[in-house]
Amino acid sequence: MLLQALLRYFEQSPSAHSPILHPDQSINRLINSPELPEENFRHAAVLIPVACAESGSSVIFTLRTEHLSSHAGQVSFPGGTREDGDISLEHTALRESEEEIGLQPEAVRIIGRLGNLLMPSGYCVTPVVGLFVADTPLIPSPREVAEIFAVPTAIALNPASYRRSSMLYGDLEREVLEFHHDGYRIWGATATMLHHLAMELSRQS
């Protein structure tokens, strides 16, 4: 049912979506900030991979290794910075997914992208949503990915799964979204993107 809702959502508008608002309102000033326009941000893309099976669908996540210089030990989607050779942000998301979890680009059906999420780190992140068959082999990159795990879409795309909490970012306290599943804490930008999509789907039902 949620998979059909996803398809309907992106069939109506595959790429023209409003910016994703961060739960911390002080960060949302970046969207219309004259001193920090979007073109001054570094562009990045992530893939929201949805594994599809007859028994249902799941969202795939990675747990980053502990030795990485940024976001070590955190849950994230495969993705990264757009490179000069990338012909599109979809290409960026697929390239990074192949590098991080061994998901071959030809195995993924891209159904659309969400609006951008502007981050205080100076990145403009575009989430790209792709479907693939659940038994497709996934191989974690030992350097970047400690684990690959799945969360049913009924949980990951349910607005009620999420709660607000706060954390220190430098010397500032920031409000963040998070949800927990099987011992994993999904929070920050990853949770913000998914919660946005969950809210969008709930509005069309």
N, C-alpha and C. Protein backbone atom coordinates (compact mmCIF):
# COMPACT_ATOMS: atom_id res chain seq x y z
N MET A 1 0.84 -1.21 0.00
CA MET A 1 0.00 0.00 0.00
C MET A 1 0.88 1.26 0.00
N LEU A 2 1.88 1.29 0.88
CA LEU A 2 2.78 2.45 0.91
C LEU A 2 3.59 2.55 -0.38
N LEU A 3 3.95 1.40 -0.94
CA LEU A 3 4.69 1.42 -2.19
C LEU A 3 3.85 2.06 -3.30
N GLN A 4 2.58 1.73 -3.34
CA GLN A 4 1.69 2.34 -4.34
C GLN A 4 1.55 3.83 -4.09
N ALA A 5 1.50 4.23 -2.82
CA ALA A 5 1.42 5.65 -2.50
C ALA A 5 2.69 6.39 -2.95
N LEU A 6 3.85 5.75 -2.79
CA LEU A 6 5.10 6.33 -3.27
C LEU A 6 5.07 6.55 -4.77
N LEU A 7 4.63 5.53 -5.49
CA LEU A 7 4.58 5.62 -6.95
C LEU A 7 3.63 6.72 -7.40
N ARG A 8 2.46 6.81 -6.76
CA ARG A 8 1.50 7.86 -7.12
C ARG A 8 2.09 9.24 -6.87
N TYR A 9 2.77 9.38 -5.74
CA TYR A 9 3.35 10.68 -5.37
C TYR A 9 4.33 11.16 -6.43
N PHE A 10 5.23 10.29 -6.85
CA PHE A 10 6.24 10.71 -7.81
C PHE A 10 5.72 10.73 -9.24
N GLU A 11 4.67 9.99 -9.54
CA GLU A 11 4.05 10.10 -10.86
C GLU A 11 3.44 11.48 -11.04
N GLN A 12 2.88 12.03 -9.97
CA GLN A 12 2.28 13.36 -10.04
C GLN A 12 3.34 14.44 -10.22
N SER A 13 4.49 14.26 -9.60
CA SER A 13 5.55 15.27 -9.68
C SER A 13 6.88 14.61 -9.34
N PRO A 14 7.63 14.17 -10.36
CA PRO A 14 8.86 13.42 -10.08
C PRO A 14 10.00 14.23 -9.48
N SER A 15 9.98 15.57 -9.66
CA SER A 15 11.14 16.32 -9.16
C SER A 15 10.83 17.72 -8.63
N ALA A 16 9.66 18.26 -8.91
CA ALA A 16 9.35 19.64 -8.49
C ALA A 16 8.76 19.63 -7.09
N HIS A 17 9.62 19.64 -6.09
CA HIS A 17 9.14 19.57 -4.71
C HIS A 17 9.75 20.70 -3.88
N SER A 18 9.00 21.12 -2.88
CA SER A 18 9.45 22.21 -2.02
C SER A 18 10.65 21.77 -1.19
N PRO A 19 11.47 22.72 -0.71
CA PRO A 19 12.61 22.37 0.13
C PRO A 19 12.18 21.63 1.38
N ILE A 20 13.04 20.76 1.87
CA ILE A 20 12.78 20.03 3.09
C ILE A 20 13.16 20.92 4.26
N LEU A 21 12.22 21.13 5.16
CA LEU A 21 12.48 21.99 6.30
C LEU A 21 13.12 21.20 7.44
N HIS A 22 14.19 21.74 7.97
CA HIS A 22 14.84 21.13 9.12
C HIS A 22 13.97 21.36 10.35
N PRO A 23 13.92 20.40 11.29
CA PRO A 23 13.09 20.61 12.49
C PRO A 23 13.55 21.78 13.34
N ASP A 24 14.82 22.18 13.22
CA ASP A 24 15.34 23.34 13.94
C ASP A 24 15.13 24.59 13.07
N GLN A 25 14.25 25.47 13.49
CA GLN A 25 13.89 26.63 12.68
C GLN A 25 15.07 27.56 12.40
N SER A 26 16.06 27.55 13.29
CA SER A 26 17.21 28.42 13.06
C SER A 26 18.01 27.99 11.85
N ILE A 27 17.91 26.72 11.48
CA ILE A 27 18.61 26.23 10.29
C ILE A 27 17.82 26.57 9.02
N ASN A 28 16.51 26.63 9.12
CA ASN A 28 15.68 26.90 7.95
C ASN A 28 15.91 28.29 7.36
N ARG A 29 16.55 29.18 8.11
CA ARG A 29 16.86 30.50 7.56
C ARG A 29 17.78 30.38 6.35
N LEU A 30 18.50 29.28 6.22
CA LEU A 30 19.42 29.10 5.09
C LEU A 30 18.68 29.10 3.75
N ILE A 31 17.42 28.67 3.76
CA ILE A 31 16.70 28.50 2.50
C ILE A 31 16.56 29.83 1.76
N ASN A 32 16.29 30.90 2.47
CA ASN A 32 16.11 32.21 1.82
C ASN A 32 17.14 33.22 2.27
N SER A 33 18.28 32.75 2.72
CA SER A 33 19.30 33.65 3.25
C SER A 33 20.07 34.33 2.13
N PRO A 34 20.08 35.67 2.10
CA PRO A 34 20.82 36.37 1.03
C PRO A 34 22.33 36.16 1.13
N GLU A 35 22.83 35.90 2.34
CA GLU A 35 24.28 35.71 2.46
C GLU A 35 24.69 34.26 2.20
N LEU A 36 23.73 33.35 2.18
CA LEU A 36 24.04 31.95 1.91
C LEU A 36 23.07 31.38 0.88
N PRO A 37 23.09 31.89 -0.34
CA PRO A 37 22.17 31.36 -1.36
C PRO A 37 22.52 29.91 -1.70
N GLU A 38 21.55 29.19 -2.21
CA GLU A 38 21.71 27.76 -2.49
C GLU A 38 22.90 27.47 -3.40
N GLU A 39 23.17 28.36 -4.36
CA GLU A 39 24.26 28.08 -5.30
C GLU A 39 25.64 28.12 -4.64
N ASN A 40 25.72 28.68 -3.43
CA ASN A 40 26.99 28.71 -2.72
C ASN A 40 27.24 27.45 -1.90
N PHE A 41 26.26 26.56 -1.87
CA PHE A 41 26.41 25.32 -1.13
C PHE A 41 27.07 24.25 -2.01
N ARG A 42 27.72 23.30 -1.38
CA ARG A 42 28.23 22.14 -2.10
C ARG A 42 27.07 21.17 -2.29
N HIS A 43 26.91 20.69 -3.52
CA HIS A 43 25.77 19.83 -3.81
C HIS A 43 26.11 18.36 -3.58
N ALA A 44 25.16 17.66 -2.98
CA ALA A 44 25.31 16.24 -2.70
C ALA A 44 23.97 15.57 -2.94
N ALA A 45 24.00 14.26 -3.09
CA ALA A 45 22.77 13.50 -3.27
C ALA A 45 22.88 12.20 -2.49
N VAL A 46 21.74 11.75 -1.99
CA VAL A 46 21.67 10.44 -1.35
C VAL A 46 20.58 9.63 -2.04
N LEU A 47 20.73 8.33 -1.99
CA LEU A 47 19.68 7.44 -2.48
C LEU A 47 18.88 6.93 -1.30
N ILE A 48 17.56 7.09 -1.39
CA ILE A 48 16.66 6.42 -0.44
C ILE A 48 16.28 5.11 -1.11
N PRO A 49 16.96 4.01 -0.77
CA PRO A 49 16.74 2.75 -1.47
C PRO A 49 15.58 1.98 -0.86
N VAL A 50 14.62 1.62 -1.69
CA VAL A 50 13.45 0.88 -1.22
C VAL A 50 13.49 -0.51 -1.84
N ALA A 51 13.66 -1.51 -0.98
CA ALA A 51 13.71 -2.90 -1.43
C ALA A 51 12.30 -3.46 -1.51
N CYS A 52 11.95 -4.03 -2.65
CA CYS A 52 10.58 -4.47 -2.90
C CYS A 52 10.51 -6.00 -3.00
N ALA A 53 9.58 -6.58 -2.28
CA ALA A 53 9.33 -8.02 -2.32
C ALA A 53 7.83 -8.25 -2.29
N GLU A 54 7.41 -9.48 -2.62
CA GLU A 54 5.98 -9.78 -2.59
C GLU A 54 5.42 -9.62 -1.18
N SER A 55 6.25 -9.87 -0.18
CA SER A 55 5.79 -9.79 1.20
C SER A 55 5.74 -8.36 1.73
N GLY A 56 6.31 -7.40 0.98
CA GLY A 56 6.30 -6.01 1.42
C GLY A 56 7.56 -5.29 1.00
N SER A 57 7.70 -4.06 1.44
CA SER A 57 8.85 -3.24 1.06
C SER A 57 9.55 -2.71 2.30
N SER A 58 10.84 -2.40 2.13
CA SER A 58 11.65 -1.90 3.24
C SER A 58 12.56 -0.80 2.73
N VAL A 59 12.90 0.13 3.63
CA VAL A 59 13.89 1.16 3.34
C VAL A 59 15.24 0.65 3.83
N ILE A 60 16.27 0.80 3.00
CA ILE A 60 17.61 0.31 3.32
C ILE A 60 18.46 1.45 3.87
N PHE A 61 19.17 1.15 4.96
CA PHE A 61 20.05 2.13 5.61
C PHE A 61 21.45 1.55 5.72
N THR A 62 22.42 2.43 5.94
CA THR A 62 23.77 1.99 6.26
C THR A 62 24.15 2.52 7.64
N LEU A 63 24.97 1.76 8.33
CA LEU A 63 25.61 2.22 9.56
C LEU A 63 27.06 2.50 9.22
N ARG A 64 27.47 3.76 9.33
CA ARG A 64 28.80 4.15 8.92
C ARG A 64 29.86 3.63 9.90
N THR A 65 31.04 3.36 9.37
CA THR A 65 32.12 2.86 10.21
C THR A 65 32.58 3.93 11.19
N GLU A 66 33.21 3.49 12.25
CA GLU A 66 33.59 4.38 13.34
C GLU A 66 34.81 5.26 13.04
N HIS A 67 35.58 4.92 12.02
CA HIS A 67 36.81 5.67 11.78
C HIS A 67 36.68 6.78 10.74
N LEU A 68 35.49 6.99 10.22
CA LEU A 68 35.31 8.04 9.22
C LEU A 68 35.47 9.42 9.84
N SER A 69 35.88 10.39 9.02
CA SER A 69 36.13 11.74 9.53
C SER A 69 34.84 12.51 9.80
N SER A 70 33.74 12.11 9.16
CA SER A 70 32.46 12.80 9.40
C SER A 70 31.35 11.77 9.56
N HIS A 71 30.45 12.05 10.49
CA HIS A 71 29.27 11.21 10.74
C HIS A 71 29.64 9.76 11.07
N ALA A 72 30.77 9.56 11.72
CA ALA A 72 31.21 8.22 12.06
C ALA A 72 30.21 7.53 12.98
N GLY A 73 29.91 6.27 12.69
CA GLY A 73 29.03 5.49 13.54
C GLY A 73 27.56 5.85 13.44
N GLN A 74 27.20 6.72 12.51
CA GLN A 74 25.81 7.15 12.38
C GLN A 74 25.10 6.36 11.29
N VAL A 75 23.78 6.35 11.37
CA VAL A 75 22.96 5.75 10.34
C VAL A 75 22.74 6.77 9.22
N SER A 76 22.86 6.31 7.99
CA SER A 76 22.70 7.23 6.87
C SER A 76 22.20 6.47 5.65
N PHE A 77 21.88 7.23 4.60
CA PHE A 77 21.64 6.66 3.29
C PHE A 77 22.94 6.69 2.50
N PRO A 78 23.11 5.78 1.53
CA PRO A 78 24.28 5.90 0.67
C PRO A 78 24.21 7.19 -0.14
N GLY A 79 25.34 7.88 -0.23
CA GLY A 79 25.35 9.14 -0.98
C GLY A 79 26.62 9.90 -0.73
N GLY A 80 26.73 11.05 -1.39
CA GLY A 80 27.93 11.86 -1.24
C GLY A 80 27.91 13.08 -2.12
N THR A 81 29.04 13.74 -2.22
CA THR A 81 29.18 14.99 -2.96
C THR A 81 29.12 14.75 -4.47
N ARG A 82 28.45 15.65 -5.16
CA ARG A 82 28.42 15.57 -6.62
C ARG A 82 29.80 15.84 -7.18
N GLU A 83 30.25 15.00 -8.09
CA GLU A 83 31.55 15.15 -8.72
C GLU A 83 31.39 15.71 -10.13
N ASP A 84 32.47 16.24 -10.67
CA ASP A 84 32.42 16.89 -11.98
C ASP A 84 31.91 15.96 -13.07
N GLY A 85 32.20 14.67 -12.97
CA GLY A 85 31.78 13.74 -14.00
C GLY A 85 30.35 13.27 -13.88
N ASP A 86 29.65 13.65 -12.82
CA ASP A 86 28.26 13.22 -12.63
C ASP A 86 27.34 14.03 -13.54
N ILE A 87 26.55 13.34 -14.33
CA ILE A 87 25.67 14.03 -15.28
C ILE A 87 24.40 14.55 -14.62
N SER A 88 24.10 14.06 -13.42
CA SER A 88 22.91 14.49 -12.70
C SER A 88 23.07 14.09 -11.24
N LEU A 89 22.18 14.61 -10.40
CA LEU A 89 22.18 14.21 -8.99
C LEU A 89 21.74 12.76 -8.84
N GLU A 90 20.89 12.29 -9.75
CA GLU A 90 20.53 10.87 -9.74
C GLU A 90 21.77 10.01 -9.98
N HIS A 91 22.62 10.47 -10.91
CA HIS A 91 23.87 9.77 -11.19
C HIS A 91 24.76 9.75 -9.95
N THR A 92 24.82 10.88 -9.24
CA THR A 92 25.60 10.95 -8.00
C THR A 92 25.11 9.92 -7.00
N ALA A 93 23.80 9.88 -6.78
CA ALA A 93 23.22 8.95 -5.81
C ALA A 93 23.49 7.50 -6.18
N LEU A 94 23.37 7.18 -7.47
CA LEU A 94 23.61 5.80 -7.91
C LEU A 94 25.08 5.44 -7.83
N ARG A 95 25.95 6.35 -8.21
CA ARG A 95 27.39 6.09 -8.14
C ARG A 95 27.83 5.82 -6.70
N GLU A 96 27.37 6.67 -5.80
CA GLU A 96 27.74 6.50 -4.40
C GLU A 96 27.15 5.22 -3.81
N SER A 97 25.95 4.85 -4.25
CA SER A 97 25.32 3.62 -3.74
C SER A 97 26.08 2.39 -4.21
N GLU A 98 26.57 2.44 -5.43
CA GLU A 98 27.38 1.32 -5.92
C GLU A 98 28.67 1.22 -5.11
N GLU A 99 29.29 2.37 -4.82
CA GLU A 99 30.54 2.37 -4.07
C GLU A 99 30.33 1.91 -2.62
N GLU A 100 29.24 2.32 -2.00
CA GLU A 100 29.06 2.08 -0.56
C GLU A 100 28.40 0.74 -0.24
N ILE A 101 27.40 0.34 -1.04
CA ILE A 101 26.69 -0.89 -0.71
C ILE A 101 26.64 -1.89 -1.86
N GLY A 102 27.38 -1.62 -2.94
CA GLY A 102 27.44 -2.57 -4.04
C GLY A 102 26.16 -2.69 -4.83
N LEU A 103 25.27 -1.71 -4.73
CA LEU A 103 24.01 -1.74 -5.46
C LEU A 103 24.26 -1.25 -6.88
N GLN A 104 24.09 -2.15 -7.84
CA GLN A 104 24.38 -1.81 -9.24
C GLN A 104 23.33 -0.83 -9.78
N PRO A 105 23.76 0.22 -10.48
CA PRO A 105 22.81 1.22 -10.99
C PRO A 105 21.70 0.64 -11.84
N GLU A 106 22.03 -0.39 -12.63
CA GLU A 106 21.01 -0.96 -13.52
C GLU A 106 19.94 -1.73 -12.75
N ALA A 107 20.20 -2.03 -11.47
CA ALA A 107 19.22 -2.75 -10.66
C ALA A 107 18.20 -1.81 -10.02
N VAL A 108 18.42 -0.49 -10.15
CA VAL A 108 17.59 0.50 -9.45
C VAL A 108 16.65 1.20 -10.43
N ARG A 109 15.41 1.30 -10.04
CA ARG A 109 14.43 2.11 -10.79
C ARG A 109 14.23 3.42 -10.03
N ILE A 110 14.77 4.49 -10.58
CA ILE A 110 14.59 5.81 -9.96
C ILE A 110 13.16 6.28 -10.22
N ILE A 111 12.45 6.64 -9.16
CA ILE A 111 11.06 7.09 -9.34
C ILE A 111 10.91 8.59 -9.10
N GLY A 112 11.91 9.25 -8.55
CA GLY A 112 11.81 10.69 -8.37
C GLY A 112 12.79 11.19 -7.32
N ARG A 113 12.74 12.47 -7.10
CA ARG A 113 13.58 13.09 -6.07
C ARG A 113 12.74 14.01 -5.20
N LEU A 114 13.21 14.23 -3.98
CA LEU A 114 12.56 15.17 -3.08
C LEU A 114 13.19 16.54 -3.24
N GLY A 115 12.64 17.52 -2.52
CA GLY A 115 13.26 18.83 -2.50
C GLY A 115 14.59 18.80 -1.77
N ASN A 116 15.34 19.88 -1.88
CA ASN A 116 16.66 19.94 -1.26
C ASN A 116 16.56 20.18 0.25
N LEU A 117 17.56 19.66 0.95
CA LEU A 117 17.73 19.93 2.37
C LEU A 117 19.04 20.69 2.55
N LEU A 118 18.95 21.95 3.00
CA LEU A 118 20.15 22.75 3.23
C LEU A 118 20.66 22.51 4.64
N MET A 119 21.95 22.25 4.74
CA MET A 119 22.55 21.87 6.01
C MET A 119 23.49 22.97 6.52
N PRO A 120 23.60 23.12 7.84
CA PRO A 120 24.52 24.12 8.38
C PRO A 120 25.98 23.83 8.04
N SER A 121 26.27 22.61 7.60
CA SER A 121 27.62 22.25 7.19
C SER A 121 28.00 22.84 5.84
N GLY A 122 27.02 23.46 5.14
CA GLY A 122 27.30 24.04 3.83
C GLY A 122 26.96 23.13 2.67
N TYR A 123 26.22 22.06 2.94
CA TYR A 123 25.82 21.14 1.88
C TYR A 123 24.34 21.33 1.52
N CYS A 124 24.06 21.21 0.24
CA CYS A 124 22.69 21.16 -0.26
C CYS A 124 22.47 19.72 -0.71
N VAL A 125 21.65 18.98 0.05
CA VAL A 125 21.49 17.54 -0.18
C VAL A 125 20.16 17.27 -0.88
N THR A 126 20.22 16.50 -1.96
CA THR A 126 19.02 16.10 -2.69
C THR A 126 18.78 14.61 -2.51
N PRO A 127 17.66 14.22 -1.90
CA PRO A 127 17.34 12.79 -1.77
C PRO A 127 16.67 12.28 -3.05
N VAL A 128 17.18 11.17 -3.54
CA VAL A 128 16.65 10.50 -4.73
C VAL A 128 16.06 9.17 -4.28
N VAL A 129 14.86 8.86 -4.73
CA VAL A 129 14.19 7.63 -4.30
C VAL A 129 14.27 6.59 -5.41
N GLY A 130 14.75 5.40 -5.06
CA GLY A 130 14.88 4.33 -6.04
C GLY A 130 14.37 3.01 -5.51
N LEU A 131 13.78 2.21 -6.39
CA LEU A 131 13.26 0.90 -6.04
C LEU A 131 14.17 -0.19 -6.60
N PHE A 132 14.30 -1.28 -5.88
CA PHE A 132 15.02 -2.43 -6.41
C PHE A 132 14.46 -3.71 -5.79
N VAL A 133 14.75 -4.82 -6.43
CA VAL A 133 14.23 -6.11 -5.97
C VAL A 133 14.95 -6.50 -4.68
N ALA A 134 14.19 -6.97 -3.70
CA ALA A 134 14.71 -7.17 -2.35
C ALA A 134 15.86 -8.17 -2.27
N ASP A 135 15.91 -9.17 -3.17
CA ASP A 135 16.99 -10.15 -3.09
C ASP A 135 18.23 -9.75 -3.88
N THR A 136 18.29 -8.50 -4.33
CA THR A 136 19.49 -8.00 -5.01
C THR A 136 20.66 -8.01 -4.03
N PRO A 137 21.80 -8.58 -4.44
CA PRO A 137 22.94 -8.62 -3.51
C PRO A 137 23.43 -7.22 -3.14
N LEU A 138 23.71 -7.02 -1.86
CA LEU A 138 24.28 -5.77 -1.36
C LEU A 138 25.57 -6.11 -0.63
N ILE A 139 26.64 -5.38 -0.95
CA ILE A 139 27.95 -5.64 -0.37
C ILE A 139 28.48 -4.36 0.25
N PRO A 140 28.61 -4.29 1.58
CA PRO A 140 29.08 -3.05 2.22
C PRO A 140 30.55 -2.78 1.92
N SER A 141 30.87 -1.53 1.65
CA SER A 141 32.26 -1.12 1.49
C SER A 141 32.93 -1.16 2.87
N PRO A 142 33.99 -1.94 3.05
CA PRO A 142 34.59 -2.07 4.39
C PRO A 142 35.09 -0.74 4.95
N ARG A 143 35.47 0.17 4.07
CA ARG A 143 36.02 1.44 4.53
C ARG A 143 34.93 2.36 5.08
N GLU A 144 33.73 2.30 4.51
CA GLU A 144 32.69 3.26 4.84
C GLU A 144 31.51 2.70 5.60
N VAL A 145 31.18 1.44 5.37
CA VAL A 145 29.91 0.89 5.86
C VAL A 145 30.16 -0.29 6.79
N ALA A 146 29.73 -0.15 8.03
CA ALA A 146 29.86 -1.24 9.00
C ALA A 146 28.73 -2.25 8.85
N GLU A 147 27.51 -1.75 8.55
CA GLU A 147 26.35 -2.63 8.41
C GLU A 147 25.39 -2.06 7.40
N ILE A 148 24.61 -2.96 6.81
CA ILE A 148 23.46 -2.58 5.99
C ILE A 148 22.24 -3.21 6.66
N PHE A 149 21.19 -2.43 6.87
CA PHE A 149 20.00 -2.99 7.51
C PHE A 149 18.74 -2.38 6.89
N ALA A 150 17.62 -3.04 7.12
CA ALA A 150 16.35 -2.64 6.52
C ALA A 150 15.32 -2.33 7.59
N VAL A 151 14.46 -1.36 7.28
CA VAL A 151 13.33 -1.02 8.14
C VAL A 151 12.07 -1.06 7.28
N PRO A 152 11.03 -1.78 7.67
CA PRO A 152 9.81 -1.82 6.86
C PRO A 152 9.29 -0.41 6.57
N THR A 153 8.80 -0.21 5.36
CA THR A 153 8.27 1.11 5.01
C THR A 153 7.09 1.50 5.89
N ALA A 154 6.37 0.50 6.41
CA ALA A 154 5.25 0.80 7.30
C ALA A 154 5.71 1.53 8.56
N ILE A 155 6.99 1.35 8.92
CA ILE A 155 7.56 2.06 10.07
C ILE A 155 8.30 3.31 9.62
N ALA A 156 9.18 3.16 8.63
CA ALA A 156 10.02 4.28 8.20
C ALA A 156 9.22 5.42 7.58
N LEU A 157 8.07 5.11 6.97
CA LEU A 157 7.27 6.13 6.31
C LEU A 157 5.96 6.39 7.07
N ASN A 158 6.00 6.16 8.35
CA ASN A 158 4.86 6.46 9.22
C ASN A 158 5.24 7.68 10.07
N PRO A 159 4.57 8.83 9.89
CA PRO A 159 4.92 10.02 10.68
C PRO A 159 4.91 9.77 12.18
N ALA A 160 4.07 8.83 12.65
CA ALA A 160 3.97 8.57 14.08
C ALA A 160 5.22 7.89 14.64
N SER A 161 6.10 7.39 13.77
CA SER A 161 7.32 6.74 14.24
C SER A 161 8.32 7.74 14.80
N TYR A 162 8.18 9.00 14.45
CA TYR A 162 9.21 10.00 14.72
C TYR A 162 8.91 10.81 15.97
N ARG A 163 9.96 11.21 16.65
CA ARG A 163 9.82 12.13 17.77
C ARG A 163 10.94 13.17 17.69
N ARG A 164 10.73 14.28 18.36
CA ARG A 164 11.72 15.35 18.38
C ARG A 164 12.59 15.22 19.62
N SER A 165 13.87 15.50 19.44
CA SER A 165 14.80 15.52 20.57
C SER A 165 15.80 16.64 20.30
N SER A 166 16.77 16.80 21.17
CA SER A 166 17.76 17.85 20.97
C SER A 166 19.16 17.30 21.19
N MET A 167 20.14 17.96 20.60
CA MET A 167 21.53 17.55 20.74
C MET A 167 22.41 18.78 20.59
N LEU A 168 23.63 18.68 21.06
CA LEU A 168 24.58 19.78 20.91
C LEU A 168 25.30 19.68 19.57
N TYR A 169 25.31 20.78 18.83
CA TYR A 169 26.04 20.88 17.56
C TYR A 169 27.04 22.00 17.75
N GLY A 170 28.29 21.65 18.03
CA GLY A 170 29.24 22.67 18.46
C GLY A 170 28.83 23.15 19.84
N ASP A 171 28.58 24.45 19.95
CA ASP A 171 28.13 25.02 21.22
C ASP A 171 26.64 25.30 21.23
N LEU A 172 25.94 24.90 20.17
CA LEU A 172 24.53 25.20 20.05
C LEU A 172 23.68 23.95 20.25
N GLU A 173 22.54 24.14 20.88
CA GLU A 173 21.59 23.04 21.02
C GLU A 173 20.65 23.06 19.83
N ARG A 174 20.59 21.94 19.12
CA ARG A 174 19.75 21.84 17.93
C ARG A 174 18.60 20.87 18.18
N GLU A 175 17.46 21.16 17.57
CA GLU A 175 16.34 20.23 17.60
C GLU A 175 16.48 19.28 16.42
N VAL A 176 16.28 17.98 16.66
CA VAL A 176 16.40 16.98 15.60
C VAL A 176 15.21 16.03 15.66
N LEU A 177 15.00 15.33 14.56
CA LEU A 177 14.01 14.26 14.50
C LEU A 177 14.73 12.93 14.61
N GLU A 178 14.05 11.93 15.18
CA GLU A 178 14.66 10.61 15.27
C GLU A 178 13.58 9.55 15.42
N PHE A 179 13.95 8.31 15.07
CA PHE A 179 13.14 7.16 15.46
C PHE A 179 14.09 5.99 15.69
N HIS A 180 13.62 5.00 16.44
CA HIS A 180 14.45 3.86 16.81
C HIS A 180 13.82 2.58 16.25
N HIS A 181 14.69 1.67 15.80
CA HIS A 181 14.20 0.39 15.28
C HIS A 181 15.27 -0.67 15.47
N ASP A 182 14.93 -1.74 16.17
CA ASP A 182 15.85 -2.87 16.38
C ASP A 182 17.22 -2.43 16.90
N GLY A 183 17.23 -1.47 17.78
CA GLY A 183 18.49 -1.03 18.36
C GLY A 183 19.22 0.04 17.57
N TYR A 184 18.71 0.41 16.41
CA TYR A 184 19.32 1.46 15.60
C TYR A 184 18.62 2.79 15.86
N ARG A 185 19.40 3.84 15.95
CA ARG A 185 18.84 5.19 16.08
C ARG A 185 19.01 5.90 14.74
N ILE A 186 17.89 6.21 14.11
CA ILE A 186 17.89 6.93 12.83
C ILE A 186 17.53 8.36 13.16
N TRP A 187 18.43 9.30 12.89
CA TRP A 187 18.22 10.68 13.33
C TRP A 187 18.88 11.65 12.36
N GLY A 188 18.75 12.94 12.71
CA GLY A 188 19.41 13.98 11.92
C GLY A 188 18.85 14.12 10.52
N ALA A 189 19.73 14.39 9.56
CA ALA A 189 19.31 14.63 8.19
C ALA A 189 18.57 13.43 7.61
N THR A 190 19.04 12.22 7.94
CA THR A 190 18.41 11.01 7.42
C THR A 190 16.95 10.93 7.86
N ALA A 191 16.71 11.15 9.15
CA ALA A 191 15.34 11.12 9.66
C ALA A 191 14.52 12.28 9.11
N THR A 192 15.14 13.45 8.95
CA THR A 192 14.42 14.61 8.44
C THR A 192 13.90 14.36 7.03
N MET A 193 14.73 13.76 6.17
CA MET A 193 14.30 13.45 4.80
C MET A 193 13.14 12.46 4.80
N LEU A 194 13.27 11.40 5.58
CA LEU A 194 12.23 10.37 5.60
C LEU A 194 10.94 10.89 6.21
N HIS A 195 11.06 11.67 7.27
CA HIS A 195 9.86 12.24 7.89
C HIS A 195 9.14 13.15 6.91
N HIS A 196 9.90 13.94 6.15
CA HIS A 196 9.30 14.80 5.13
C HIS A 196 8.51 13.96 4.13
N LEU A 197 9.13 12.88 3.64
CA LEU A 197 8.44 12.02 2.68
C LEU A 197 7.22 11.37 3.32
N ALA A 198 7.34 10.94 4.56
CA ALA A 198 6.20 10.33 5.25
C ALA A 198 5.03 11.31 5.36
N MET A 199 5.34 12.56 5.68
CA MET A 199 4.30 13.58 5.77
C MET A 199 3.65 13.86 4.42
N GLU A 200 4.48 13.90 3.38
CA GLU A 200 3.93 14.12 2.03
C GLU A 200 2.97 13.00 1.64
N LEU A 201 3.34 11.77 1.93
CA LEU A 201 2.48 10.63 1.58
C LEU A 201 1.20 10.65 2.41
N SER A 202 1.30 11.05 3.67
CA SER A 202 0.10 11.08 4.52
C SER A 202 -0.89 12.15 4.05
N ARG A 203 -0.38 13.21 3.44
CA ARG A 203 -1.26 14.29 2.95
C ARG A 203 -2.05 13.87 1.73
N GLN A 204 -1.51 12.95 0.94
CA GLN A 204 -2.21 12.56 -0.27
C GLN A 204 -3.18 11.39 -0.05
N SER A 205 -3.12 10.77 1.15
CA SER A 205 -4.01 9.63 1.42
C SER A 205 -5.37 10.10 1.92
